[in-house]
PDB file of N, CA and C in Angstrom:
ATOM      1  N   UNK A   1       0.528  -1.146   0.179  1.00  0.00           N
ATOM      2  CA  UNK A   1       0.116   0.351   0.193  1.00  0.00           C
ATOM      3  C   UNK A   1       0.925   1.513   0.542  1.00  0.00           C
ATOM      4  N   UNK A   2       0.436   2.303  -0.380  1.00  0.00           N
ATOM      5  CA  UNK A   2       1.300   3.527  -0.927  1.00  0.00           C
ATOM      6  C   UNK A   2       0.152   4.695  -0.004  1.00  0.00           C
ATOM      7  N   UNK A   3       0.898   5.743   0.356  1.00  0.00           N
ATOM      8  CA  UNK A   3       0.170   6.599   1.030  1.00  0.00           C
ATOM      9  C   UNK A   3       0.368   7.850  -0.258  1.00  0.00           C
ATOM     10  N   UNK A   4      -0.718   8.465  -0.546  1.00  0.00           N
ATOM     11  CA  UNK A   4      -0.136   9.902  -1.629  1.00  0.00           C
ATOM     12  C   UNK A   4      -0.736  11.190  -0.973  1.00  0.00           C
ATOM     13  N   UNK A   5       0.372  12.042  -0.478  1.00  0.00           N
ATOM     14  CA  UNK A   5      -0.491  13.262  -0.404  1.00  0.00           C
ATOM     15  C   UNK A   5       0.356  14.314  -1.021  1.00  0.00           C
ATOM     16  N   UNK A   6      -1.140  14.817  -1.120  1.00  0.00           N
ATOM     17  CA  UNK A   6      -0.712  15.985  -2.860  1.00  0.00           C
ATOM     18  C   UNK A   6      -1.445  17.736  -2.137  1.00  0.00           C
ATOM     19  N   UNK A   7      -0.318  18.705  -2.024  1.00  0.00           N
ATOM     20  CA  UNK A   7      -0.551  20.165  -2.078  1.00  0.00           C
ATOM     21  C   UNK A   7      -1.143  20.536  -2.795  1.00  0.00           C
ATOM     22  N   UNK A   8      -2.317  21.123  -3.411  1.00  0.00           N
ATOM     23  CA  UNK A   8      -2.954  21.388  -4.132  1.00  0.00           C
ATOM     24  C   UNK A   8      -3.261  22.931  -3.934  1.00  0.00           C
ATOM     25  N   UNK A   9      -3.866  23.613  -5.233  1.00  0.00           N
ATOM     26  CA  UNK A   9      -4.131  25.178  -5.289  1.00  0.00           C
ATOM     27  C   UNK A   9      -5.836  24.529  -4.701  1.00  0.00           C
ATOM     28  N   UNK A  10      -6.407  25.660  -3.584  1.00  0.00           N
ATOM     29  CA  UNK A  10      -7.644  25.575  -3.121  1.00  0.00           C
ATOM     30  C   UNK A  10      -8.955  25.166  -4.264  1.00  0.00           C
ATOM     31  N   UNK A  11      -8.529  25.909  -4.993  1.00  0.00           N
ATOM     32  CA  UNK A  11      -9.665  26.314  -6.253  1.00  0.00           C
ATOM     33  C   UNK A  11      -9.737  25.007  -7.158  1.00  0.00           C
ATOM     34  N   UNK A  12      -8.651  24.082  -6.716  1.00  0.00           N
ATOM     35  CA  UNK A  12      -8.477  22.746  -7.268  1.00  0.00           C
ATOM     36  C   UNK A  12      -8.931  21.622  -6.962  1.00  0.00           C
ATOM     37  N   UNK A  13      -9.521  21.419  -5.814  1.00  0.00           N
ATOM     38  CA  UNK A  13     -10.107  20.214  -4.815  1.00  0.00           C
ATOM     39  C   UNK A  13     -11.096  19.662  -5.469  1.00  0.00           C
ATOM     40  N   UNK A  14     -12.619  20.434  -5.667  1.00  0.00           N
ATOM     41  CA  UNK A  14     -13.467  19.696  -6.337  1.00  0.00           C
ATOM     42  C   UNK A  14     -12.852  18.951  -7.547  1.00  0.00           C
ATOM     43  N   UNK A  15     -12.123  19.489  -8.759  1.00  0.00           N
ATOM     44  CA  UNK A  15     -12.206  18.835  -9.734  1.00  0.00           C
ATOM     45  C   UNK A  15     -11.148  17.639  -9.832  1.00  0.00           C
ATOM     46  N   UNK A  16     -10.344  17.722  -8.684  1.00  0.00           N
ATOM     47  CA  UNK A  16      -9.331  16.608  -8.046  1.00  0.00           C
ATOM     48  C   UNK A  16     -10.029  15.915  -7.431  1.00  0.00           C
ATOM     49  N   UNK A  17     -11.103  15.928  -6.923  1.00  0.00           N
ATOM     50  CA  UNK A  17     -11.885  14.949  -6.439  1.00  0.00           C
ATOM     51  C   UNK A  17     -12.583  14.284  -7.211  1.00  0.00           C
ATOM     52  N   UNK A  18     -13.140  15.084  -8.392  1.00  0.00           N
ATOM     53  CA  UNK A  18     -13.810  14.138  -9.256  1.00  0.00           C
ATOM     54  C   UNK A  18     -13.184  13.501 -10.028  1.00  0.00           C
ATOM     55  N   UNK A  19     -11.924  13.561 -10.768  1.00  0.00           N
ATOM     56  CA  UNK A  19     -10.850  13.083 -11.169  1.00  0.00           C
ATOM     57  C   UNK A  19     -10.718  11.483 -10.369  1.00  0.00           C
ATOM     58  N   UNK A  20     -10.591  11.613  -9.024  1.00  0.00           N
ATOM     59  CA  UNK A  20      -9.843  10.546  -7.986  1.00  0.00           C
ATOM     60  C   UNK A  20     -11.370   9.557  -8.131  1.00  0.00           C
ATOM     61  N   UNK A  21     -12.647   9.806  -7.981  1.00  0.00           N
ATOM     62  CA  UNK A  21     -13.608   9.460  -8.013  1.00  0.00           C
ATOM     63  C   UNK A  21     -13.476   8.670  -9.339  1.00  0.00           C
ATOM     64  N   UNK A  22     -13.286   9.268 -10.421  1.00  0.00           N
ATOM     65  CA  UNK A  22     -13.641   8.584 -11.838  1.00  0.00           C
ATOM     66  C   UNK A  22     -12.541   7.632 -12.138  1.00  0.00           C
ATOM     67  N   UNK A  23     -11.220   7.625 -11.421  1.00  0.00           N
ATOM     68  CA  UNK A  23     -10.472   6.682 -11.628  1.00  0.00           C
ATOM     69  C   UNK A  23     -10.629   5.639 -10.220  1.00  0.00           C
ATOM     70  N   UNK A  24     -11.818   5.794  -9.106  1.00  0.00           N
ATOM     71  CA  UNK A  24     -12.259   4.563  -8.407  1.00  0.00           C
ATOM     72  C   UNK A  24     -11.638   5.140  -7.019  1.00  0.00           C
ATOM     73  N   UNK A  25     -11.034   5.717  -6.524  1.00  0.00           N
ATOM     74  CA  UNK A  25     -11.184   6.023  -5.354  1.00  0.00           C
ATOM     75  C   UNK A  25     -12.515   6.460  -4.569  1.00  0.00           C
ATOM     76  N   UNK A  26     -12.850   5.663  -3.744  1.00  0.00           N
ATOM     77  CA  UNK A  26     -13.354   5.835  -2.462  1.00  0.00           C
ATOM     78  C   UNK A  26     -13.084   6.549  -1.561  1.00  0.00           C
ATOM     79  N   UNK A  27     -11.910   6.834  -0.866  1.00  0.00           N
ATOM     80  CA  UNK A  27     -11.564   7.803   0.456  1.00  0.00           C
ATOM     81  C   UNK A  27     -10.574   8.414   0.213  1.00  0.00           C
ATOM     82  N   UNK A  28     -10.963   9.683   0.843  1.00  0.00           N
ATOM     83  CA  UNK A  28      -9.977  10.708   0.664  1.00  0.00           C
ATOM     84  C   UNK A  28     -10.018  11.734   2.019  1.00  0.00           C
ATOM     85  N   UNK A  29      -8.917  11.962   2.378  1.00  0.00           N
ATOM     86  CA  UNK A  29      -9.179  13.105   3.474  1.00  0.00           C
ATOM     87  C   UNK A  29      -8.591  14.595   3.142  1.00  0.00           C
ATOM     88  N   UNK A  30      -8.956  15.171   3.346  1.00  0.00           N
ATOM     89  CA  UNK A  30      -8.404  17.115   2.733  1.00  0.00           C
ATOM     90  C   UNK A  30      -8.352  17.643   4.364  1.00  0.00           C
ATOM     91  N   UNK A  31      -7.067  18.283   4.061  1.00  0.00           N
ATOM     92  CA  UNK A  31      -7.066  18.930   4.798  1.00  0.00           C
ATOM     93  C   UNK A  31      -6.451  20.677   4.356  1.00  0.00           C
ATOM     94  N   UNK A  32      -7.177  21.950   4.917  1.00  0.00           N
ATOM     95  CA  UNK A  32      -6.278  23.217   4.955  1.00  0.00           C
ATOM     96  C   UNK A  32      -5.346  23.452   5.731  1.00  0.00           C
ATOM     97  N   UNK A  33      -4.178  23.800   4.685  1.00  0.00           N
ATOM     98  CA  UNK A  33      -3.170  23.790   5.260  1.00  0.00           C
ATOM     99  C   UNK A  33      -2.274  25.189   4.889  1.00  0.00           C
ATOM    100  N   UNK A  34      -1.232  25.941   5.142  1.00  0.00           N
ATOM    101  CA  UNK A  34      -0.488  27.120   4.816  1.00  0.00           C
ATOM    102  C   UNK A  34       0.702  26.853   4.709  1.00  0.00           C
ATOM    103  N   UNK A  35       1.536  27.022   3.766  1.00  0.00           N
ATOM    104  CA  UNK A  35       2.601  27.261   3.389  1.00  0.00           C
ATOM    105  C   UNK A  35       3.193  27.719   2.032  1.00  0.00           C
ATOM    106  N   UNK A  36       4.541  27.507   1.895  1.00  0.00           N
ATOM    107  CA  UNK A  36       5.371  28.033   0.770  1.00  0.00           C
ATOM    108  C   UNK A  36       6.385  27.223   0.244  1.00  0.00           C
ATOM    109  N   UNK A  37       6.513  27.211  -1.181  1.00  0.00           N
ATOM    110  CA  UNK A  37       7.526  26.744  -1.881  1.00  0.00           C
ATOM    111  C   UNK A  37       8.963  27.295  -2.198  1.00  0.00           C
ATOM    112  N   UNK A  38       9.329  27.262  -3.141  1.00  0.00           N
ATOM    113  CA  UNK A  38      10.067  28.145  -4.436  1.00  0.00           C
ATOM    114  C   UNK A  38       9.648  29.432  -4.570  1.00  0.00           C
ATOM    115  N   UNK A  39       8.740  29.533  -4.703  1.00  0.00           N
ATOM    116  CA  UNK A  39       7.763  30.995  -5.171  1.00  0.00           C
ATOM    117  C   UNK A  39       8.198  31.892  -3.971  1.00  0.00           C
ATOM    118  N   UNK A  40       7.691  31.423  -2.305  1.00  0.00           N
ATOM    119  CA  UNK A  40       8.111  32.365  -1.292  1.00  0.00           C
ATOM    120  C   UNK A  40       7.418  33.065  -1.309  1.00  0.00           C
ATOM    121  N   UNK A  41       5.748  33.200  -1.440  1.00  0.00           N
ATOM    122  CA  UNK A  41       4.606  33.520  -1.143  1.00  0.00           C
ATOM    123  C   UNK A  41       4.553  34.353  -1.962  1.00  0.00           C
ATOM    124  N   UNK A  42       4.023  36.116  -1.633  1.00  0.00           N
ATOM    125  CA  UNK A  42       3.740  37.171  -2.849  1.00  0.00           C
ATOM    126  C   UNK A  42       3.388  38.245  -2.289  1.00  0.00           C
ATOM    127  N   UNK A  43       3.524  39.094  -2.746  1.00  0.00           N
ATOM    128  CA  UNK A  43       3.252  40.635  -2.689  1.00  0.00           C
ATOM    129  C   UNK A  43       1.825  41.024  -2.439  1.00  0.00           C
ATOM    130  N   UNK A  44       1.038  41.753  -1.719  1.00  0.00           N
ATOM    131  CA  UNK A  44      -0.122  42.022  -1.904  1.00  0.00           C
ATOM    132  C   UNK A  44      -0.239  43.858  -1.607  1.00  0.00           C
ATOM    133  N   UNK A  45      -1.432  44.208  -1.932  1.00  0.00           N
ATOM    134  CA  UNK A  45      -1.108  45.535  -1.647  1.00  0.00           C
ATOM    135  C   UNK A  45      -2.499  46.064  -1.139  1.00  0.00           C
ATOM    136  N   UNK A  46      -3.108  46.854   0.119  1.00  0.00           N
ATOM    137  CA  UNK A  46      -3.943  46.797   0.852  1.00  0.00           C
ATOM    138  C   UNK A  46      -3.874  47.731   1.950  1.00  0.00           C
ATOM    139  N   UNK A  47      -5.160  48.768   1.513  1.00  0.00           N
ATOM    140  CA  UNK A  47      -5.392  50.494   1.782  1.00  0.00           C
ATOM    141  C   UNK A  47      -3.898  51.123   1.553  1.00  0.00           C
ATOM    142  N   UNK A  48      -3.393  50.817   0.364  1.00  0.00           N
ATOM    143  CA  UNK A  48      -2.164  51.559  -0.068  1.00  0.00           C
ATOM    144  C   UNK A  48      -1.174  50.942   0.798  1.00  0.00           C
ATOM    145  N   UNK A  49      -0.817  50.258   1.568  1.00  0.00           N
ATOM    146  CA  UNK A  49       0.118  49.561   2.200  1.00  0.00           C
ATOM    147  C   UNK A  49       0.436  48.365   1.635  1.00  0.00           C
ATOM    148  N   UNK A  50       2.219  48.338   1.053  1.00  0.00           N
ATOM    149  CA  UNK A  50       2.545  46.640   0.533  1.00  0.00           C
ATOM    150  C   UNK A  50       2.734  45.662   1.487  1.00  0.00           C
ATOM    151  N   UNK A  51       2.634  44.584   1.019  1.00  0.00           N
ATOM    152  CA  UNK A  51       3.002  43.625   2.114  1.00  0.00           C
ATOM    153  C   UNK A  51       2.962  42.461   2.092  1.00  0.00           C
ATOM    154  N   UNK A  52       3.795  41.087   2.384  1.00  0.00           N
ATOM    155  CA  UNK A  52       4.168  40.287   1.912  1.00  0.00           C
ATOM    156  C   UNK A  52       3.281  39.291   2.457  1.00  0.00           C
ATOM    157  N   UNK A  53       2.907  38.314   1.605  1.00  0.00           N
ATOM    158  CA  UNK A  53       1.977  36.874   2.274  1.00  0.00           C
ATOM    159  C   UNK A  53       2.823  35.767   2.246  1.00  0.00           C
ATOM    160  N   UNK A  54       3.427  35.500   3.010  1.00  0.00           N
ATOM    161  CA  UNK A  54       4.784  34.552   2.853  1.00  0.00           C
ATOM    162  C   UNK A  54       3.511  32.776   3.248  1.00  0.00           C
ATOM    163  N   UNK A  55       2.508  32.277   4.048  1.00  0.00           N
ATOM    164  CA  UNK A  55       2.192  31.636   3.736  1.00  0.00           C
ATOM    165  C   UNK A  55       0.941  31.657   3.203  1.00  0.00           C
ATOM    166  N   UNK A  56       0.627  30.796   2.031  1.00  0.00           N
ATOM    167  CA  UNK A  56      -0.090  30.633   0.819  1.00  0.00           C
ATOM    168  C   UNK A  56      -1.128  29.521   1.068  1.00  0.00           C
ATOM    169  N   UNK A  57      -2.273  29.809   1.296  1.00  0.00           N
ATOM    170  CA  UNK A  57      -3.276  29.124   1.437  1.00  0.00           C
ATOM    171  C   UNK A  57      -3.475  27.661   0.627  1.00  0.00           C
ATOM    172  N   UNK A  58      -3.584  26.512   0.860  1.00  0.00           N
ATOM    173  CA  UNK A  58      -3.544  25.465   0.012  1.00  0.00           C
ATOM    174  C   UNK A  58      -3.988  24.232   0.563  1.00  0.00           C
ATOM    175  N   UNK A  59      -4.403  23.323   0.001  1.00  0.00           N
ATOM    176  CA  UNK A  59      -4.788  22.299   0.588  1.00  0.00           C
ATOM    177  C   UNK A  59      -4.126  20.666   0.595  1.00  0.00           C
ATOM    178  N   UNK A  60      -4.776  20.113   1.700  1.00  0.00           N
ATOM    179  CA  UNK A  60      -3.262  18.796   1.432  1.00  0.00           C
ATOM    180  C   UNK A  60      -4.623  17.303   1.376  1.00  0.00           C
ATOM    181  N   UNK A  61      -4.479  16.941   0.609  1.00  0.00           N
ATOM    182  CA  UNK A  61      -4.770  15.618   0.104  1.00  0.00           C
ATOM    183  C   UNK A  61      -4.303  14.389   0.606  1.00  0.00           C
ATOM    184  N   UNK A  62      -5.043  13.288   1.140  1.00  0.00           N
ATOM    185  CA  UNK A  62      -4.388  12.645   1.585  1.00  0.00           C
ATOM    186  C   UNK A  62      -4.895  10.959   1.115  1.00  0.00           C
ATOM    187  N   UNK A  63      -4.382  10.091   0.765  1.00  0.00           N
ATOM    188  CA  UNK A  63      -5.321   9.005   0.656  1.00  0.00           C
ATOM    189  C   UNK A  63      -4.010   7.953   0.150  1.00  0.00           C
ATOM    190  N   UNK A  64      -4.920   7.015   0.508  1.00  0.00           N
ATOM    191  CA  UNK A  64      -4.077   5.057   0.779  1.00  0.00           C
ATOM    192  C   UNK A  64      -4.647   4.763  -0.426  1.00  0.00           C
ATOM    193  N   UNK A  65      -3.591   4.399  -0.857  1.00  0.00           N
ATOM    194  CA  UNK A  65      -4.452   3.577  -2.413  1.00  0.00           C
ATOM    195  C   UNK A  65      -3.355   2.289  -2.412  1.00  0.00           C
ATOM    196  N   UNK A  66      -3.990   1.039  -2.783  1.00  0.00           N
ATOM    197  CA  UNK A  66      -3.009  -0.198  -3.181  1.00  0.00           C
ATOM    198  C   UNK A  66      -2.274   0.437  -3.800  1.00  0.00           C
ATOM    199  N   UNK A  67      -1.328  -0.495  -4.059  1.00  0.00           N
ATOM    200  CA  UNK A  67       0.123  -0.842  -5.126  1.00  0.00           C
ATOM    201  C   UNK A  67      -0.549   0.056  -6.942  1.00  0.00           C
ATOM    202  N   UNK A  68      -1.156  -1.361  -7.078  1.00  0.00           N
ATOM    203  CA  UNK A  68      -1.600  -1.338  -8.062  1.00  0.00           C
ATOM    204  C   UNK A  68      -2.459  -0.165  -8.791  1.00  0.00           C
ATOM    205  N   UNK A  69      -2.969   0.665  -8.073  1.00  0.00           N
ATOM    206  CA  UNK A  69      -3.306   2.035  -8.486  1.00  0.00           C
ATOM    207  C   UNK A  69      -2.664   3.146  -8.134  1.00  0.00           C
ATOM    208  N   UNK A  70      -1.756   3.018  -7.669  1.00  0.00           N
ATOM    209  CA  UNK A  70      -0.712   4.368  -7.222  1.00  0.00           C
ATOM    210  C   UNK A  70      -0.983   4.673  -8.779  1.00  0.00           C
ATOM    211  N   UNK A  71      -0.136   4.425 -10.102  1.00  0.00           N
ATOM    212  CA  UNK A  71       0.202   5.864 -10.706  1.00  0.00           C
ATOM    213  C   UNK A  71      -1.035   6.132 -11.538  1.00  0.00           C
ATOM    214  N   UNK A  72      -2.161   5.232 -11.475  1.00  0.00           N
ATOM    215  CA  UNK A  72      -3.765   6.223 -11.978  1.00  0.00           C
ATOM    216  C   UNK A  72      -3.764   7.156 -10.551  1.00  0.00           C
ATOM    217  N   UNK A  73      -3.753   6.981  -9.605  1.00  0.00           N
ATOM    218  CA  UNK A  73      -4.163   8.213  -8.621  1.00  0.00           C
ATOM    219  C   UNK A  73      -3.280   9.553  -8.996  1.00  0.00           C
ATOM    220  N   UNK A  74      -1.663   9.294  -9.506  1.00  0.00           N
ATOM    221  CA  UNK A  74      -1.011  10.005  -9.202  1.00  0.00           C
ATOM    222  C   UNK A  74      -1.070  10.849 -10.523  1.00  0.00           C
ATOM    223  N   UNK A  75      -1.331  10.386 -11.421  1.00  0.00           N
ATOM    224  CA  UNK A  75      -1.669  11.338 -12.665  1.00  0.00           C
ATOM    225  C   UNK A  75      -2.649  11.764 -12.880  1.00  0.00           C
ATOM    226  N   UNK A  76      -3.626  11.347 -12.183  1.00  0.00           N
ATOM    227  CA  UNK A  76      -5.329  11.931 -12.249  1.00  0.00           C
ATOM    228  C   UNK A  76      -4.915  13.302 -11.019  1.00  0.00           C
ATOM    229  N   UNK A  77      -4.228  13.114 -10.174  1.00  0.00           N
ATOM    230  CA  UNK A  77      -4.084  14.407  -8.961  1.00  0.00           C
ATOM    231  C   UNK A  77      -3.425  15.326 -10.365  1.00  0.00           C
ATOM    232  N   UNK A  78      -2.100  15.099 -10.902  1.00  0.00           N
ATOM    233  CA  UNK A  78      -1.532  15.654 -11.936  1.00  0.00           C
ATOM    234  C   UNK A  78      -2.152  16.622 -12.536  1.00  0.00           C
ATOM    235  N   UNK A  79      -3.258  15.591 -13.578  1.00  0.00           N
ATOM    236  CA  UNK A  79      -4.127  16.196 -14.711  1.00  0.00           C
ATOM    237  C   UNK A  79      -5.393  17.081 -14.045  1.00  0.00           C
ATOM    238  N   UNK A  80      -5.717  16.754 -13.131  1.00  0.00           N
ATOM    239  CA  UNK A  80      -6.735  17.766 -12.562  1.00  0.00           C
ATOM    240  C   UNK A  80      -5.727  18.844 -11.859  1.00  0.00           C
ATOM    241  N   UNK A  81      -5.035  18.986 -11.128  1.00  0.00           N
ATOM    242  CA  UNK A  81      -4.922  19.947 -10.465  1.00  0.00           C
ATOM    243  C   UNK A  81      -3.685  20.880 -11.099  1.00  0.00           C
ATOM    244  N   UNK A  82      -3.324  20.703 -11.878  1.00  0.00           N
ATOM    245  CA  UNK A  82      -2.312  21.176 -13.242  1.00  0.00           C
ATOM    246  C   UNK A  82      -2.438  22.297 -13.414  1.00  0.00           C
ATOM    247  N   UNK A  83      -2.155  23.727 -12.934  1.00  0.00           N
ATOM    248  CA  UNK A  83      -2.798  25.042 -13.672  1.00  0.00           C
ATOM    249  C   UNK A  83      -1.373  25.702 -14.826  1.00  0.00           C
ATOM    250  N   UNK A  84      -0.169  25.064 -14.506  1.00  0.00           N
ATOM    251  CA  UNK A  84       0.931  25.327 -15.673  1.00  0.00           C
ATOM    252  C   UNK A  84       1.817  26.650 -15.079  1.00  0.00           C
ATOM    253  N   UNK A  85       1.239  27.045 -13.852  1.00  0.00           N
ATOM    254  CA  UNK A  85       1.929  28.132 -12.981  1.00  0.00           C
ATOM    255  C   UNK A  85       2.847  27.684 -12.013  1.00  0.00           C
ATOM    256  N   UNK A  86       3.188  28.569 -11.335  1.00  0.00           N
ATOM    257  CA  UNK A  86       3.956  28.375 -10.593  1.00  0.00           C
ATOM    258  C   UNK A  86       3.411  28.381  -9.324  1.00  0.00           C
ATOM    259  N   UNK A  87       3.480  27.039  -8.185  1.00  0.00           N
ATOM    260  CA  UNK A  87       2.693  27.128  -7.208  1.00  0.00           C
ATOM    261  C   UNK A  87       1.507  26.202  -6.809  1.00  0.00           C
ATOM    262  N   UNK A  88       1.484  25.653  -8.041  1.00  0.00           N
ATOM    263  CA  UNK A  88       0.280  24.243  -8.725  1.00  0.00           C
ATOM    264  C   UNK A  88       0.352  23.207  -7.749  1.00  0.00           C
ATOM    265  N   UNK A  89       2.002  22.941  -6.820  1.00  0.00           N
ATOM    266  CA  UNK A  89       2.024  21.837  -5.494  1.00  0.00           C
ATOM    267  C   UNK A  89       2.745  20.833  -5.829  1.00  0.00           C
ATOM    268  N   UNK A  90       2.806  19.801  -4.739  1.00  0.00           N
ATOM    269  CA  UNK A  90       3.447  18.758  -4.819  1.00  0.00           C
ATOM    270  C   UNK A  90       2.840  17.655  -4.538  1.00  0.00           C
ATOM    271  N   UNK A  91       3.242  16.402  -4.998  1.00  0.00           N
ATOM    272  CA  UNK A  91       2.855  14.742  -4.987  1.00  0.00           C
ATOM    273  C   UNK A  91       3.835  14.260  -3.727  1.00  0.00           C
ATOM    274  N   UNK A  92       3.562  13.868  -2.504  1.00  0.00           N
ATOM    275  CA  UNK A  92       4.073  12.578  -1.994  1.00  0.00           C
ATOM    276  C   UNK A  92       4.164  11.220  -1.994  1.00  0.00           C
ATOM    277  N   UNK A  93       4.770  10.543  -2.599  1.00  0.00           N
ATOM    278  CA  UNK A  93       4.275   8.948  -1.971  1.00  0.00           C
ATOM    279  C   UNK A  93       5.451   8.625  -0.776  1.00  0.00           C
ATOM    280  N   UNK A  94       4.421   7.874  -0.221  1.00  0.00           N
ATOM    281  CA  UNK A  94       5.398   6.581   0.816  1.00  0.00           C
ATOM    282  C   UNK A  94       4.705   5.673   1.250  1.00  0.00           C
ATOM    283  N   UNK A  95       5.497   4.570   1.571  1.00  0.00           N
ATOM    284  CA  UNK A  95       4.996   3.198   1.773  1.00  0.00           C
ATOM    285  C   UNK A  95       4.069   2.845   3.163  1.00  0.00           C
ATOM    286  N   UNK A  96       3.339   2.475   3.191  1.00  0.00           N
ATOM    287  CA  UNK A  96       2.276   2.034   4.559  1.00  0.00           C
ATOM    288  C   UNK A  96       2.222   0.764   4.668  1.00  0.00           C
ATOM    289  N   UNK A  97       3.033   0.814   5.897  1.00  0.00           N
ATOM    290  CA  UNK A  97       3.014  -0.910   6.167  1.00  0.00           C
ATOM    291  C   UNK A  97       1.966  -1.420   6.514  1.00  0.00           C
ATOM    292  N   UNK A  98       0.438  -0.888   7.298  1.00  0.00           N
ATOM    293  CA  UNK A  98      -1.099  -1.591   7.620  1.00  0.00           C
ATOM    294  C   UNK A  98      -1.868  -0.199   7.556  1.00  0.00           C
ATOM    295  N   UNK A  99      -2.868  -0.982   7.460  1.00  0.00           N
ATOM    296  CA  UNK A  99      -3.923  -0.259   7.811  1.00  0.00           C
ATOM    297  C   UNK A  99      -5.208  -1.270   8.417  1.00  0.00           C
ATOM    298  N   UNK A 100      -5.877  -0.511   9.485  1.00  0.00           N
ATOM    299  CA  UNK A 100      -6.806  -1.041   9.856  1.00  0.00           C
ATOM    300  C   UNK A 100      -8.081  -0.317  10.477  1.00  0.00           C
ATOM    301  N   UNK A 101      -9.212  -1.159   9.380  1.00  0.00           N
ATOM    302  CA  UNK A 101     -10.354  -0.460   9.512  1.00  0.00           C
ATOM    303  C   UNK A 101     -11.541  -0.646  11.048  1.00  0.00           C
ATOM    304  N   UNK A 102     -11.160   0.580  12.160  1.00  0.00           N
ATOM    305  CA  UNK A 102     -11.617   0.334  13.343  1.00  0.00           C
ATOM    306  C   UNK A 102     -12.990  -0.269  13.344  1.00  0.00           C
ATOM    307  N   UNK A 103     -13.902  -0.298  12.777  1.00  0.00           N
ATOM    308  CA  UNK A 103     -15.124  -0.884  13.270  1.00  0.00           C
ATOM    309  C   UNK A 103     -15.056  -2.381  12.748  1.00  0.00           C
ATOM    310  N   UNK A 104     -14.393  -2.852  11.686  1.00  0.00           N
ATOM    311  CA  UNK A 104     -14.534  -4.426  11.875  1.00  0.00           C
ATOM    312  C   UNK A 104     -13.439  -4.987  12.009  1.00  0.00           C
ATOM    313  N   UNK A 105     -12.432  -4.143  12.364  1.00  0.00           N
ATOM    314  CA  UNK A 105     -10.919  -4.869  12.411  1.00  0.00           C
ATOM    315  C   UNK A 105     -10.247  -5.127  11.371  1.00  0.00           C
ATOM    316  N   UNK A 106     -10.581  -5.131   9.981  1.00  0.00           N
ATOM    317  CA  UNK A 106     -10.274  -5.496   8.770  1.00  0.00           C
ATOM    318  C   UNK A 106      -9.216  -5.009   8.916  1.00  0.00           C
ATOM    319  N   UNK A 107      -7.480  -5.576   8.199  1.00  0.00           N
ATOM    320  CA  UNK A 107      -6.619  -4.995   7.776  1.00  0.00           C
ATOM    321  C   UNK A 107      -6.083  -5.107   6.366  1.00  0.00           C
ATOM    322  N   UNK A 108      -5.021  -4.450   6.090  1.00  0.00           N
ATOM    323  CA  UNK A 108      -4.316  -4.591   5.284  1.00  0.00           C
ATOM    324  C   UNK A 108      -5.514  -3.957   3.584  1.00  0.00           C
ATOM    325  N   UNK A 109      -5.218  -4.501   2.721  1.00  0.00           N
ATOM    326  CA  UNK A 109      -5.783  -4.019   1.360  1.00  0.00           C
ATOM    327  C   UNK A 109      -7.427  -3.787   1.788  1.00  0.00           C
ATOM    328  N   UNK A 110      -8.399  -4.824   2.565  1.00  0.00           N
ATOM    329  CA  UNK A 110      -9.308  -4.967   2.905  1.00  0.00           C
ATOM    330  C   UNK A 110      -9.806  -3.564   3.324  1.00  0.00           C
ATOM    331  N   UNK A 111      -8.311  -3.008   4.776  1.00  0.00           N
ATOM    332  CA  UNK A 111      -9.346  -1.810   5.157  1.00  0.00           C
ATOM    333  C   UNK A 111      -9.791  -0.429   4.255  1.00  0.00           C
ATOM    334  N   UNK A 112      -8.997  -0.577   3.426  1.00  0.00           N
ATOM    335  CA  UNK A 112      -8.927   0.411   2.472  1.00  0.00           C
ATOM    336  C   UNK A 112      -9.552   0.481   1.348  1.00  0.00           C
ATOM    337  N   UNK A 113     -10.626  -0.481   0.847  1.00  0.00           N
ATOM    338  CA  UNK A 113     -11.305  -0.599  -0.285  1.00  0.00           C
ATOM    339  C   UNK A 113     -12.701  -0.041   0.444  1.00  0.00           C
TER     340      UNK A 113
END
């Protein structure tokens, strides 16, 4: 099993969710986060004063998938979240040793289906 963590622009969330649903993903965790990458935030003008917004609003998606669905999930996120501009986000993939469904006690692949 793999855990896919994707940091995307908030306005892309609905499109990414629909694309993931189309490739068969049933469960997803979404968290509102703030951060910056290479772009280091941006400057804004408010009431004539310029200030720097260092931490930009983003959305973090967490999805645990069987190994055979990993490529489809990553491709779906890239396709749906891309705007072609700086700040589109990142995808991180890590291994998951086990998953347990609390209600039934099922573990492994059965817990994430």
